[in-house]
Amino acid sequence: MRTVGIDLSARPPRTAAAVIEWTPGRATVLPPRLACDDEELLKLLLSLGRDDQAGVDCPFGWPATFVASMNAHAAPHPTWPGRDADGIEDLDSLRYRRTDKIVAVHAPRPPLSVSCDKLGAVAIRWARLQALLAARGLSVDRTGRGSVAEVYPSAARSQWGLVAGTVDELLAAAPWLHLPEGARQAYAHSRDAYDALIASLVARAVRTGSTSWPAGADAEAARSEGWIHLPAAGTLARLPDSSNCEIIPQSQ
């Protein structure tokens, strides 16, 4: 099994990818891929095998209220759906997705707004990549069902107790992670690569059923807005051993 982590940026120079090869009780980290352009990312994702999993650090969609409001505003006779007395709740629903609000409780800092911050430029790049993937035969389910899921490395580190955010700290917490010296230095010197490495570990958590999944109203929202897969606390140590957890098939 392979997992792929992608720390996506609006432009290739700040985009990194990390691949981990998993065997029983061991995980081998390959050197990071830096300054990834769209074609490299497409090849990497399209090469995923049946048991492989990718985790992408990027919002997969926009808040449903924001999308509805933009459509209403673009109409010949503009309207604006919803408005509370002070406008605070209205603004929050425009800025944050349902999954952002849920993850914010567990993250050291709340996720950025995909509609009102620079993160929107990253999401636009991903939207284009998602369309290109679909055209080449890989349909991305924004809830995370399938081979590609949305992840948030900062929140994952918080769940796993990785407060320092360094390679040395990660290796101390995950001694089963085999990181050759050359690759270790590359991950230690590039924050983009390090975040991609965490994203790849979260991809393993997704594949082994160790992350939160949307249900009910959350699932309905996630189909359009996307869903951040947050690993459960304490699951980092259990990632190499999948004997007690069912690998979630891509077809579900």
C-alpha atoms as a PDB file:
ATOM      1  CA  MET A   1       0.000   0.000   0.000  1.00  0.00           C
ATOM      2  CA  ARG A   2       1.108   3.552  -0.734  1.00  0.00           C
ATOM      3  CA  THR A   3      -0.162   6.788   0.710  1.00  0.00           C
ATOM      4  CA  VAL A   4       0.331  10.152  -0.949  1.00  0.00           C
ATOM      5  CA  GLY A   5       0.212  13.455   0.888  1.00  0.00           C
ATOM      6  CA  ILE A   6      -0.070  16.739  -0.996  1.00  0.00           C
ATOM      7  CA  ASP A   7       0.472  20.158   0.547  1.00  0.00           C
ATOM      8  CA  LEU A   8      -1.212  22.204  -2.141  1.00  0.00           C
ATOM      9  CA  SER A   9      -0.469  25.853  -2.795  1.00  0.00           C
ATOM     10  CA  ALA A  10      -1.815  28.230  -5.408  1.00  0.00           C
ATOM     11  CA  ARG A  11       1.466  27.951  -7.326  1.00  0.00           C
ATOM     12  CA  PRO A  12       3.896  25.060  -7.925  1.00  0.00           C
ATOM     13  CA  PRO A  13       6.918  26.526  -6.025  1.00  0.00           C
ATOM     14  CA  ARG A  14       5.139  26.034  -2.664  1.00  0.00           C
ATOM     15  CA  THR A  15       3.457  22.718  -3.529  1.00  0.00           C
ATOM     16  CA  ALA A  16       4.966  19.504  -2.155  1.00  0.00           C
ATOM     17  CA  ALA A  17       4.080  15.811  -2.150  1.00  0.00           C
ATOM     18  CA  ALA A  18       5.167  12.930   0.070  1.00  0.00           C
ATOM     19  CA  VAL A  19       4.823   9.205  -0.624  1.00  0.00           C
ATOM     20  CA  ILE A  20       4.946   6.500   2.048  1.00  0.00           C
ATOM     21  CA  GLU A  21       5.213   2.793   1.250  1.00  0.00           C
ATOM     22  CA  TRP A  22       3.542   0.599   3.885  1.00  0.00           C
ATOM     23  CA  THR A  23       4.497  -2.973   4.760  1.00  0.00           C
ATOM     24  CA  PRO A  24       3.497  -4.910   7.918  1.00  0.00           C
ATOM     25  CA  GLY A  25       4.791  -2.973  10.933  1.00  0.00           C
ATOM     26  CA  ARG A  26       6.842  -0.533   8.889  1.00  0.00           C
ATOM     27  CA  ALA A  27       6.434   2.557   6.767  1.00  0.00           C
ATOM     28  CA  THR A  28       9.153   3.818   4.420  1.00  0.00           C
ATOM     29  CA  VAL A  29       9.107   7.483   3.444  1.00  0.00           C
ATOM     30  CA  LEU A  30      10.339   8.386  -0.030  1.00  0.00           C
ATOM     31  CA  PRO A  31      12.115  11.699  -0.710  1.00  0.00           C
ATOM     32  CA  PRO A  32       9.674  14.608  -1.053  1.00  0.00           C
ATOM     33  CA  ARG A  33       8.599  15.984  -4.379  1.00  0.00           C
ATOM     34  CA  LEU A  34       8.972  19.751  -4.334  1.00  0.00           C
ATOM     35  CA  ALA A  35       7.619  22.498  -6.601  1.00  0.00           C
ATOM     36  CA  CYS A  36       4.982  20.158  -8.048  1.00  0.00           C
ATOM     37  CA  ASP A  37       3.179  21.419 -11.123  1.00  0.00           C
ATOM     38  CA  ASP A  38      -0.292  20.276 -12.163  1.00  0.00           C
ATOM     39  CA  GLU A  39       0.908  17.498 -14.465  1.00  0.00           C
ATOM     40  CA  GLU A  40       3.081  15.976 -11.755  1.00  0.00           C
ATOM     41  CA  LEU A  41       0.179  16.018  -9.297  1.00  0.00           C
ATOM     42  CA  LEU A  42      -2.155  14.487 -11.861  1.00  0.00           C
ATOM     43  CA  LYS A  43       0.295  11.679 -12.622  1.00  0.00           C
ATOM     44  CA  LEU A  44       0.785  11.011  -8.935  1.00  0.00           C
ATOM     45  CA  LEU A  45      -2.944  10.809  -8.204  1.00  0.00           C
ATOM     46  CA  LEU A  46      -3.805   8.853 -11.336  1.00  0.00           C
ATOM     47  CA  SER A  47      -1.151   6.266 -10.406  1.00  0.00           C
ATOM     48  CA  LEU A  48      -2.939   5.358  -7.156  1.00  0.00           C
ATOM     49  CA  GLY A  49      -3.588   1.630  -6.929  1.00  0.00           C
ATOM     50  CA  ARG A  50      -6.622  -0.147  -5.525  1.00  0.00           C
ATOM     51  CA  ASP A  51      -5.351  -0.060  -1.930  1.00  0.00           C
ATOM     52  CA  ASP A  52      -3.596   3.314  -2.138  1.00  0.00           C
ATOM     53  CA  GLN A  53      -4.857   6.536  -0.583  1.00  0.00           C
ATOM     54  CA  ALA A  54      -4.114  10.237  -1.023  1.00  0.00           C
ATOM     55  CA  GLY A  55      -4.646  13.092   1.408  1.00  0.00           C
ATOM     56  CA  VAL A  56      -4.735  16.638   0.030  1.00  0.00           C
ATOM     57  CA  ASP A  57      -4.308  19.702   2.237  1.00  0.00           C
ATOM     58  CA  CYS A  58      -6.789  21.979   0.507  1.00  0.00           C
ATOM     59  CA  PRO A  59     -10.518  22.739   0.754  1.00  0.00           C
ATOM     60  CA  PHE A  60     -12.454  20.625  -1.741  1.00  0.00           C
ATOM     61  CA  GLY A  61     -15.341  23.104  -1.955  1.00  0.00           C
ATOM     62  CA  TRP A  62     -16.874  26.377  -0.765  1.00  0.00           C
ATOM     63  CA  PRO A  63     -19.540  27.048   1.900  1.00  0.00           C
ATOM     64  CA  ALA A  64     -22.969  26.238   0.470  1.00  0.00           C
ATOM     65  CA  THR A  65     -24.338  29.572   1.697  1.00  0.00           C
ATOM     66  CA  PHE A  66     -21.514  31.423  -0.049  1.00  0.00           C
ATOM     67  CA  VAL A  67     -22.208  29.639  -3.341  1.00  0.00           C
ATOM     68  CA  ALA A  68     -25.945  30.363  -3.083  1.00  0.00           C
ATOM     69  CA  SER A  69     -25.283  34.003  -2.230  1.00  0.00           C
ATOM     70  CA  MET A  70     -22.923  34.500  -5.166  1.00  0.00           C
ATOM     71  CA  ASN A  71     -25.465  32.938  -7.532  1.00  0.00           C
ATOM     72  CA  ALA A  72     -28.201  35.178  -6.115  1.00  0.00           C
ATOM     73  CA  HIS A  73     -26.034  38.262  -6.412  1.00  0.00           C
ATOM     74  CA  ALA A  74     -25.160  37.451 -10.035  1.00  0.00           C
ATOM     75  CA  ALA A  75     -28.814  37.250 -11.056  1.00  0.00           C
ATOM     76  CA  PRO A  76     -30.363  40.078 -13.112  1.00  0.00           C
ATOM     77  CA  HIS A  77     -32.317  41.146 -10.019  1.00  0.00           C
ATOM     78  CA  PRO A  78     -29.858  40.505  -7.159  1.00  0.00           C
ATOM     79  CA  THR A  79     -31.039  39.140  -3.846  1.00  0.00           C
ATOM     80  CA  TRP A  80     -29.167  38.127  -0.724  1.00  0.00           C
ATOM     81  CA  PRO A  81     -30.358  34.988   1.132  1.00  0.00           C
ATOM     82  CA  GLY A  82     -30.608  35.185   4.905  1.00  0.00           C
ATOM     83  CA  ARG A  83     -29.637  37.883   7.350  1.00  0.00           C
ATOM     84  CA  ASP A  84     -29.738  37.898  11.137  1.00  0.00           C
ATOM     85  CA  ALA A  85     -30.064  41.098  13.155  1.00  0.00           C
ATOM     86  CA  ASP A  86     -26.336  41.806  13.453  1.00  0.00           C
ATOM     87  CA  GLY A  87     -25.091  39.922  10.403  1.00  0.00           C
ATOM     88  CA  ILE A  88     -22.620  37.813  12.429  1.00  0.00           C
ATOM     89  CA  GLU A  89     -24.224  34.429  11.799  1.00  0.00           C
ATOM     90  CA  ASP A  90     -24.764  35.368   8.179  1.00  0.00           C
ATOM     91  CA  LEU A  91     -21.077  36.232   7.790  1.00  0.00           C
ATOM     92  CA  ASP A  92     -19.914  33.016   9.470  1.00  0.00           C
ATOM     93  CA  SER A  93     -22.055  30.887   7.169  1.00  0.00           C
ATOM     94  CA  LEU A  94     -20.500  32.658   4.189  1.00  0.00           C
ATOM     95  CA  ARG A  95     -16.942  32.259   5.466  1.00  0.00           C
ATOM     96  CA  TYR A  96     -16.853  28.749   6.908  1.00  0.00           C
ATOM     97  CA  ARG A  97     -17.943  25.330   5.757  1.00  0.00           C
ATOM     98  CA  ARG A  98     -19.655  22.918   8.108  1.00  0.00           C
ATOM     99  CA  THR A  99     -16.457  20.857   8.362  1.00  0.00           C
ATOM    100  CA  ASP A 100     -14.374  23.960   9.197  1.00  0.00           C
ATOM    101  CA  LYS A 101     -16.554  24.676  12.232  1.00  0.00           C
ATOM    102  CA  ILE A 102     -16.299  21.073  13.452  1.00  0.00           C
ATOM    103  CA  VAL A 103     -12.519  20.846  13.050  1.00  0.00           C
ATOM    104  CA  ALA A 104     -11.944  24.277  14.638  1.00  0.00           C
ATOM    105  CA  VAL A 105     -12.761  22.759  18.046  1.00  0.00           C
ATOM    106  CA  HIS A 106      -9.801  20.377  17.736  1.00  0.00           C
ATOM    107  CA  ALA A 107      -7.278  22.531  15.871  1.00  0.00           C
ATOM    108  CA  PRO A 108      -4.667  24.865  17.406  1.00  0.00           C
ATOM    109  CA  ARG A 109      -6.102  27.546  15.121  1.00  0.00           C
ATOM    110  CA  PRO A 110      -9.308  27.503  13.080  1.00  0.00           C
ATOM    111  CA  PRO A 111      -9.075  26.659   9.372  1.00  0.00           C
ATOM    112  CA  LEU A 112      -8.784  29.639   7.071  1.00  0.00           C
ATOM    113  CA  SER A 113     -11.868  30.748   5.176  1.00  0.00           C
ATOM    114  CA  VAL A 114     -11.885  29.390   1.630  1.00  0.00           C
ATOM    115  CA  SER A 115     -14.275  32.160   0.542  1.00  0.00           C
ATOM    116  CA  CYS A 116     -12.779  35.206   2.290  1.00  0.00           C
ATOM    117  CA  ASP A 117      -9.025  34.491   2.555  1.00  0.00           C
ATOM    118  CA  LYS A 118      -6.154  33.816   0.156  1.00  0.00           C
ATOM    119  CA  LEU A 119      -6.900  30.105   0.587  1.00  0.00           C
ATOM    120  CA  GLY A 120      -9.487  30.579  -2.139  1.00  0.00           C
ATOM    121  CA  ALA A 121      -6.720  30.695  -4.755  1.00  0.00           C
ATOM    122  CA  VAL A 122      -5.542  27.245  -3.605  1.00  0.00           C
ATOM    123  CA  ALA A 123      -9.085  25.878  -3.795  1.00  0.00           C
ATOM    124  CA  ILE A 124      -9.414  27.206  -7.336  1.00  0.00           C
ATOM    125  CA  ARG A 125      -6.308  25.286  -8.339  1.00  0.00           C
ATOM    126  CA  TRP A 126      -7.713  22.132  -6.737  1.00  0.00           C
ATOM    127  CA  ALA A 127     -11.090  22.600  -8.461  1.00  0.00           C
ATOM    128  CA  ARG A 128      -9.283  22.629 -11.801  1.00  0.00           C
ATOM    129  CA  LEU A 129      -7.250  19.547 -10.843  1.00  0.00           C
ATOM    130  CA  GLN A 130     -10.415  17.750  -9.734  1.00  0.00           C
ATOM    131  CA  ALA A 131     -12.031  18.456 -13.101  1.00  0.00           C
ATOM    132  CA  LEU A 132      -8.942  17.192 -14.939  1.00  0.00           C
ATOM    133  CA  LEU A 133      -8.884  14.046 -12.795  1.00  0.00           C
ATOM    134  CA  ALA A 134     -12.537  13.382 -13.611  1.00  0.00           C
ATOM    135  CA  ALA A 135     -11.829  13.833 -17.323  1.00  0.00           C
ATOM    136  CA  ARG A 136      -9.089  11.199 -17.013  1.00  0.00           C
ATOM    137  CA  GLY A 137     -11.234   8.701 -15.176  1.00  0.00           C
ATOM    138  CA  LEU A 138     -10.702   9.490 -11.478  1.00  0.00           C
ATOM    139  CA  SER A 139     -13.814  10.899  -9.823  1.00  0.00           C
ATOM    140  CA  VAL A 140     -13.147  12.559  -6.460  1.00  0.00           C
ATOM    141  CA  ASP A 141     -15.848  12.180  -3.816  1.00  0.00           C
ATOM    142  CA  ARG A 142     -15.586  15.278  -1.607  1.00  0.00           C
ATOM    143  CA  THR A 143     -16.676  13.305   1.466  1.00  0.00           C
ATOM    144  CA  GLY A 144     -13.469  11.258   1.220  1.00  0.00           C
ATOM    145  CA  ARG A 145     -14.973   8.047  -0.095  1.00  0.00           C
ATOM    146  CA  GLY A 146     -12.562   6.783  -2.697  1.00  0.00           C
ATOM    147  CA  SER A 147      -8.847   7.228  -3.141  1.00  0.00           C
ATOM    148  CA  VAL A 148      -8.589  10.984  -2.428  1.00  0.00           C
ATOM    149  CA  ALA A 149      -9.578  12.751   0.801  1.00  0.00           C
ATOM    150  CA  GLU A 150      -9.280  16.266   2.194  1.00  0.00           C
ATOM    151  CA  VAL A 151      -6.949  16.613   5.193  1.00  0.00           C
ATOM    152  CA  TYR A 152      -5.692  19.381   7.474  1.00  0.00           C
ATOM    153  CA  PRO A 153      -2.160  18.639   8.793  1.00  0.00           C
ATOM    154  CA  SER A 154      -2.238  21.286  11.541  1.00  0.00           C
ATOM    155  CA  ALA A 155      -5.327  19.761  13.170  1.00  0.00           C
ATOM    156  CA  ALA A 156      -3.951  16.238  12.692  1.00  0.00           C
ATOM    157  CA  ARG A 157      -0.739  17.154  14.491  1.00  0.00           C
ATOM    158  CA  SER A 158      -2.783  18.523  17.372  1.00  0.00           C
ATOM    159  CA  GLN A 159      -4.718  15.260  17.601  1.00  0.00           C
ATOM    160  CA  TRP A 160      -1.463  13.293  17.629  1.00  0.00           C
ATOM    161  CA  GLY A 161       0.306  15.527  20.158  1.00  0.00           C
ATOM    162  CA  LEU A 162       2.917  16.799  17.685  1.00  0.00           C
ATOM    163  CA  VAL A 163       3.147  20.287  19.149  1.00  0.00           C
ATOM    164  CA  ALA A 164       6.630  21.214  17.930  1.00  0.00           C
ATOM    165  CA  GLY A 165       5.979  20.337  14.307  1.00  0.00           C
ATOM    166  CA  THR A 166       9.446  18.935  13.607  1.00  0.00           C
ATOM    167  CA  VAL A 167      10.746  15.794  11.947  1.00  0.00           C
ATOM    168  CA  ASP A 168      12.637  14.800  15.110  1.00  0.00           C
ATOM    169  CA  GLU A 169       9.435  15.010  17.155  1.00  0.00           C
ATOM    170  CA  LEU A 170       7.551  12.950  14.555  1.00  0.00           C
ATOM    171  CA  LEU A 171      10.189  10.203  14.485  1.00  0.00           C
ATOM    172  CA  ALA A 172      10.230  10.033  18.286  1.00  0.00           C
ATOM    173  CA  ALA A 173       6.450   9.565  18.292  1.00  0.00           C
ATOM    174  CA  ALA A 174       6.506   7.144  15.334  1.00  0.00           C
ATOM    175  CA  PRO A 175       9.719   5.061  15.587  1.00  0.00           C
ATOM    176  CA  TRP A 176       8.333   2.673  12.962  1.00  0.00           C
ATOM    177  CA  LEU A 177       8.609   5.441  10.363  1.00  0.00           C
ATOM    178  CA  HIS A 178      11.694   4.722   8.266  1.00  0.00           C
ATOM    179  CA  LEU A 179      13.111   7.976   6.929  1.00  0.00           C
ATOM    180  CA  PRO A 180      16.474   7.706   5.128  1.00  0.00           C
ATOM    181  CA  GLU A 181      18.911  10.474   6.076  1.00  0.00           C
ATOM    182  CA  GLY A 182      18.754  12.309   2.755  1.00  0.00           C
ATOM    183  CA  ALA A 183      14.974  12.398   2.812  1.00  0.00           C
ATOM    184  CA  ARG A 184      15.002  13.309   6.503  1.00  0.00           C
ATOM    185  CA  GLN A 185      17.012  16.441   5.819  1.00  0.00           C
ATOM    186  CA  ALA A 186      14.726  17.421   2.955  1.00  0.00           C
ATOM    187  CA  TYR A 187      11.612  17.109   5.131  1.00  0.00           C
ATOM    188  CA  ALA A 188      13.319  18.935   7.985  1.00  0.00           C
ATOM    189  CA  HIS A 189      14.245  21.924   5.811  1.00  0.00           C
ATOM    190  CA  SER A 190      10.972  22.337   3.912  1.00  0.00           C
ATOM    191  CA  ARG A 191       7.773  23.162   5.755  1.00  0.00           C
ATOM    192  CA  ASP A 192       5.807  22.330   2.624  1.00  0.00           C
ATOM    193  CA  ALA A 193       7.379  18.865   2.493  1.00  0.00           C
ATOM    194  CA  TYR A 194       6.787  18.282   6.203  1.00  0.00           C
ATOM    195  CA  ASP A 195       3.094  19.164   5.885  1.00  0.00           C
ATOM    196  CA  ALA A 196       2.852  16.823   2.885  1.00  0.00           C
ATOM    197  CA  LEU A 197       4.378  14.065   5.053  1.00  0.00           C
ATOM    198  CA  ILE A 198       1.743  14.623   7.742  1.00  0.00           C
ATOM    199  CA  ALA A 199      -0.927  14.601   5.029  1.00  0.00           C
ATOM    200  CA  SER A 200       0.375  11.235   3.834  1.00  0.00           C
ATOM    201  CA  LEU A 201       0.119   9.841   7.368  1.00  0.00           C
ATOM    202  CA  VAL A 202      -3.452  11.134   7.643  1.00  0.00           C
ATOM    203  CA  ALA A 203      -4.194   9.398   4.346  1.00  0.00           C
ATOM    204  CA  ARG A 204      -3.245   6.128   6.058  1.00  0.00           C
ATOM    205  CA  ALA A 205      -5.589   7.005   8.913  1.00  0.00           C
ATOM    206  CA  VAL A 206      -8.376   7.598   6.388  1.00  0.00           C
ATOM    207  CA  ARG A 207      -7.741   4.247   4.713  1.00  0.00           C
ATOM    208  CA  THR A 208      -7.784   2.342   8.006  1.00  0.00           C
ATOM    209  CA  GLY A 209     -10.937   3.968   9.320  1.00  0.00           C
ATOM    210  CA  SER A 210      -9.202   6.089  11.970  1.00  0.00           C
ATOM    211  CA  THR A 211     -10.675   9.456  10.997  1.00  0.00           C
ATOM    212  CA  SER A 212     -14.029  11.148  11.468  1.00  0.00           C
ATOM    213  CA  TRP A 213     -16.580  10.521   8.717  1.00  0.00           C
ATOM    214  CA  PRO A 214     -19.604  12.710   7.953  1.00  0.00           C
ATOM    215  CA  ALA A 215     -23.079  11.419   8.682  1.00  0.00           C
ATOM    216  CA  GLY A 216     -26.595  12.801   8.350  1.00  0.00           C
ATOM    217  CA  ALA A 217     -26.668  16.536   7.665  1.00  0.00           C
ATOM    218  CA  ASP A 218     -22.860  16.625   7.762  1.00  0.00           C
ATOM    219  CA  ALA A 219     -22.690  14.097   4.920  1.00  0.00           C
ATOM    220  CA  GLU A 220     -25.145  16.100   2.837  1.00  0.00           C
ATOM    221  CA  ALA A 221     -23.075  19.268   3.254  1.00  0.00           C
ATOM    222  CA  ALA A 222     -19.793  17.424   2.662  1.00  0.00           C
ATOM    223  CA  ARG A 223     -20.866  16.249  -0.792  1.00  0.00           C
ATOM    224  CA  SER A 224     -20.550  19.804  -2.073  1.00  0.00           C
ATOM    225  CA  GLU A 225     -18.410  21.610   0.527  1.00  0.00           C
ATOM    226  CA  GLY A 226     -15.830  18.885   1.202  1.00  0.00           C
ATOM    227  CA  TRP A 227     -14.948  17.169   4.469  1.00  0.00           C
ATOM    228  CA  ILE A 228     -11.727  17.425   6.514  1.00  0.00           C
ATOM    229  CA  HIS A 229     -10.704  13.968   7.718  1.00  0.00           C
ATOM    230  CA  LEU A 230      -9.508  14.408  11.278  1.00  0.00           C
ATOM    231  CA  PRO A 231      -7.658  11.455  12.840  1.00  0.00           C
ATOM    232  CA  ALA A 232      -8.730  10.343  16.290  1.00  0.00           C
ATOM    233  CA  ALA A 233      -6.403  11.187  19.173  1.00  0.00           C
ATOM    234  CA  GLY A 234      -3.807   8.523  19.855  1.00  0.00           C
ATOM    235  CA  THR A 235      -4.095   6.803  16.473  1.00  0.00           C
ATOM    236  CA  LEU A 236      -0.618   7.679  15.178  1.00  0.00           C
ATOM    237  CA  ALA A 237       0.986   4.716  16.958  1.00  0.00           C
ATOM    238  CA  ARG A 238      -1.542   2.316  15.422  1.00  0.00           C
ATOM    239  CA  LEU A 239      -1.082   3.343  11.795  1.00  0.00           C
ATOM    240  CA  PRO A 240       1.416   0.578  10.836  1.00  0.00           C
ATOM    241  CA  ASP A 241      -0.875  -2.206  12.072  1.00  0.00           C
ATOM    242  CA  SER A 242      -4.163  -2.522  10.241  1.00  0.00           C
ATOM    243  CA  SER A 243      -4.978  -5.994  11.605  1.00  0.00           C
ATOM    244  CA  ASN A 244      -7.614  -4.623  13.974  1.00  0.00           C
ATOM    245  CA  CYS A 245      -9.244  -2.205  11.577  1.00  0.00           C
ATOM    246  CA  GLU A 246     -10.970  -2.703   8.285  1.00  0.00           C
ATOM    247  CA  ILE A 247      -9.416  -1.098   5.248  1.00  0.00           C
ATOM    248  CA  ILE A 248     -12.179   1.030   3.707  1.00  0.00           C
ATOM    249  CA  PRO A 249     -12.638   0.112   0.032  1.00  0.00           C
ATOM    250  CA  GLN A 250     -12.453   2.898  -2.509  1.00  0.00           C
ATOM    251  CA  SER A 251     -15.834   1.974  -3.949  1.00  0.00           C
ATOM    252  CA  GLN A 252     -17.801   2.864  -0.794  1.00  0.00           C
END
